[in-house]
Amino acid sequence: MKKKFSICIPVYKNEKNLPITIPYIIQHLDLFQEFDVEIVMVNDGSPDNCGKICDEYAKQDKRVEVIHKENGGLSDARNAGVPYAKG
């Protein structure tokens, strides 16, 4: 059985970079072959299209999970993702 590894990504007002950043991370998950890797994206109430973009990645890749919450700041977003992380 593989060990689990979680990546928690707080997301806020970053719609321009998400289409670059998230595919890059997904493509490089192969570097962690000894782990069962998941990505927990926390949309911290972003007023732009970040939530929709995150949802699209979750539809495309079963390793991506998206949490939507009201804006609370970086630490709050990161902490909100921890209970969903299985690694």
C-alpha atoms as a PDB file:
ATOM      1  CA  MET A   1       0.000   0.000   0.000  1.00  0.00           C
ATOM      2  CA  LYS A   2       1.316   3.451  -0.958  1.00  0.00           C
ATOM      3  CA  LYS A   3       1.735   6.187   1.607  1.00  0.00           C
ATOM      4  CA  LYS A   4      -0.614   9.118   1.148  1.00  0.00           C
ATOM      5  CA  PHE A   5       0.675  12.612   0.387  1.00  0.00           C
ATOM      6  CA  SER A   6      -1.523  15.724   0.298  1.00  0.00           C
ATOM      7  CA  ILE A   7      -0.868  19.109  -1.271  1.00  0.00           C
ATOM      8  CA  CYS A   8      -3.115  21.881   0.069  1.00  0.00           C
ATOM      9  CA  ILE A   9      -3.340  24.955  -2.160  1.00  0.00           C
ATOM     10  CA  PRO A  10      -5.122  28.113  -0.950  1.00  0.00           C
ATOM     11  CA  VAL A  11      -6.623  29.961  -3.929  1.00  0.00           C
ATOM     12  CA  TYR A  12      -7.634  33.629  -4.047  1.00  0.00           C
ATOM     13  CA  LYS A  13      -7.678  36.100  -6.968  1.00  0.00           C
ATOM     14  CA  ASN A  14      -5.283  34.078  -9.061  1.00  0.00           C
ATOM     15  CA  GLU A  15      -7.312  33.081 -12.112  1.00  0.00           C
ATOM     16  CA  LYS A  16      -4.544  34.125 -14.516  1.00  0.00           C
ATOM     17  CA  ASN A  17      -1.989  31.760 -12.975  1.00  0.00           C
ATOM     18  CA  LEU A  18      -4.183  28.743 -12.183  1.00  0.00           C
ATOM     19  CA  PRO A  19      -4.183  27.443 -15.792  1.00  0.00           C
ATOM     20  CA  ILE A  20      -0.382  27.417 -15.612  1.00  0.00           C
ATOM     21  CA  THR A  21       0.208  26.338 -12.015  1.00  0.00           C
ATOM     22  CA  ILE A  22      -2.271  23.498 -11.579  1.00  0.00           C
ATOM     23  CA  PRO A  23      -1.377  21.594 -14.783  1.00  0.00           C
ATOM     24  CA  TYR A  24       2.295  21.973 -13.826  1.00  0.00           C
ATOM     25  CA  ILE A  25       1.663  20.422 -10.413  1.00  0.00           C
ATOM     26  CA  ILE A  26      -0.485  17.625 -11.878  1.00  0.00           C
ATOM     27  CA  GLN A  27       2.129  16.807 -14.528  1.00  0.00           C
ATOM     28  CA  HIS A  28       4.831  16.522 -11.896  1.00  0.00           C
ATOM     29  CA  LEU A  29       2.891  14.216  -9.583  1.00  0.00           C
ATOM     30  CA  ASP A  30       4.656  11.351 -11.347  1.00  0.00           C
ATOM     31  CA  LEU A  31       7.771  12.340  -9.393  1.00  0.00           C
ATOM     32  CA  PHE A  32       5.972  10.998  -6.318  1.00  0.00           C
ATOM     33  CA  GLN A  33       5.282   7.492  -7.641  1.00  0.00           C
ATOM     34  CA  GLU A  34       5.841   5.942  -4.222  1.00  0.00           C
ATOM     35  CA  PHE A  35       2.956   8.030  -2.844  1.00  0.00           C
ATOM     36  CA  ASP A  36      -0.778   8.217  -3.373  1.00  0.00           C
ATOM     37  CA  VAL A  37      -0.914  11.991  -3.994  1.00  0.00           C
ATOM     38  CA  GLU A  38      -3.940  14.259  -3.745  1.00  0.00           C
ATOM     39  CA  ILE A  39      -4.379  17.991  -4.282  1.00  0.00           C
ATOM     40  CA  VAL A  40      -6.779  19.873  -2.019  1.00  0.00           C
ATOM     41  CA  MET A  41      -7.572  23.275  -3.506  1.00  0.00           C
ATOM     42  CA  VAL A  42      -9.265  25.726  -1.139  1.00  0.00           C
ATOM     43  CA  ASN A  43     -11.115  28.517  -2.921  1.00  0.00           C
ATOM     44  CA  ASP A  44     -11.012  31.217  -0.244  1.00  0.00           C
ATOM     45  CA  GLY A  45     -14.043  33.134  -1.479  1.00  0.00           C
ATOM     46  CA  SER A  46     -12.240  34.452  -4.527  1.00  0.00           C
ATOM     47  CA  PRO A  47     -14.406  37.013  -6.384  1.00  0.00           C
ATOM     48  CA  ASP A  48     -13.015  36.062  -9.806  1.00  0.00           C
ATOM     49  CA  ASN A  49     -13.326  32.736 -11.686  1.00  0.00           C
ATOM     50  CA  CYS A  50     -10.931  30.782  -9.459  1.00  0.00           C
ATOM     51  CA  GLY A  51     -13.705  28.592  -8.056  1.00  0.00           C
ATOM     52  CA  LYS A  52     -14.922  27.570 -11.506  1.00  0.00           C
ATOM     53  CA  ILE A  53     -11.384  26.900 -12.705  1.00  0.00           C
ATOM     54  CA  CYS A  54     -10.664  24.734  -9.657  1.00  0.00           C
ATOM     55  CA  ASP A  55     -13.901  22.790 -10.210  1.00  0.00           C
ATOM     56  CA  GLU A  56     -12.878  22.083 -13.806  1.00  0.00           C
ATOM     57  CA  TYR A  57      -9.576  20.569 -12.676  1.00  0.00           C
ATOM     58  CA  ALA A  58     -11.427  18.438 -10.126  1.00  0.00           C
ATOM     59  CA  LYS A  59     -13.658  17.106 -12.931  1.00  0.00           C
ATOM     60  CA  GLN A  60     -10.604  16.251 -15.044  1.00  0.00           C
ATOM     61  CA  ASP A  61      -8.482  14.590 -12.351  1.00  0.00           C
ATOM     62  CA  LYS A  62      -9.783  12.423  -9.510  1.00  0.00           C
ATOM     63  CA  ARG A  63      -6.759  13.396  -7.365  1.00  0.00           C
ATOM     64  CA  VAL A  64      -8.013  16.998  -7.142  1.00  0.00           C
ATOM     65  CA  GLU A  65     -10.556  17.998  -4.505  1.00  0.00           C
ATOM     66  CA  VAL A  66     -11.955  21.533  -4.195  1.00  0.00           C
ATOM     67  CA  ILE A  67     -13.238  23.204  -1.057  1.00  0.00           C
ATOM     68  CA  HIS A  68     -15.194  26.464  -1.360  1.00  0.00           C
ATOM     69  CA  LYS A  69     -15.379  28.781   1.641  1.00  0.00           C
ATOM     70  CA  GLU A  70     -15.892  32.426   2.533  1.00  0.00           C
ATOM     71  CA  ASN A  71     -12.793  34.590   2.490  1.00  0.00           C
ATOM     72  CA  GLY A  72     -10.817  34.280   5.676  1.00  0.00           C
ATOM     73  CA  GLY A  73      -7.223  34.771   4.613  1.00  0.00           C
ATOM     74  CA  LEU A  74      -4.316  32.525   3.741  1.00  0.00           C
ATOM     75  CA  SER A  75      -3.926  30.709   7.064  1.00  0.00           C
ATOM     76  CA  ASP A  76      -7.663  30.201   7.399  1.00  0.00           C
ATOM     77  CA  ALA A  77      -7.843  28.720   3.892  1.00  0.00           C
ATOM     78  CA  ARG A  78      -4.927  26.401   4.546  1.00  0.00           C
ATOM     79  CA  ASN A  79      -6.459  25.286   7.852  1.00  0.00           C
ATOM     80  CA  ALA A  80      -9.816  24.693   6.149  1.00  0.00           C
ATOM     81  CA  GLY A  81      -8.135  22.248   3.746  1.00  0.00           C
ATOM     82  CA  VAL A  82      -6.410  20.179   6.443  1.00  0.00           C
ATOM     83  CA  PRO A  83      -9.475  18.125   7.467  1.00  0.00           C
ATOM     84  CA  TYR A  84      -9.944  17.080   3.829  1.00  0.00           C
ATOM     85  CA  ALA A  85      -6.337  15.977   3.383  1.00  0.00           C
ATOM     86  CA  LYS A  86      -5.919  12.245   3.720  1.00  0.00           C
ATOM     87  CA  GLY A  87      -2.119  12.248   3.593  1.00  0.00           C
END
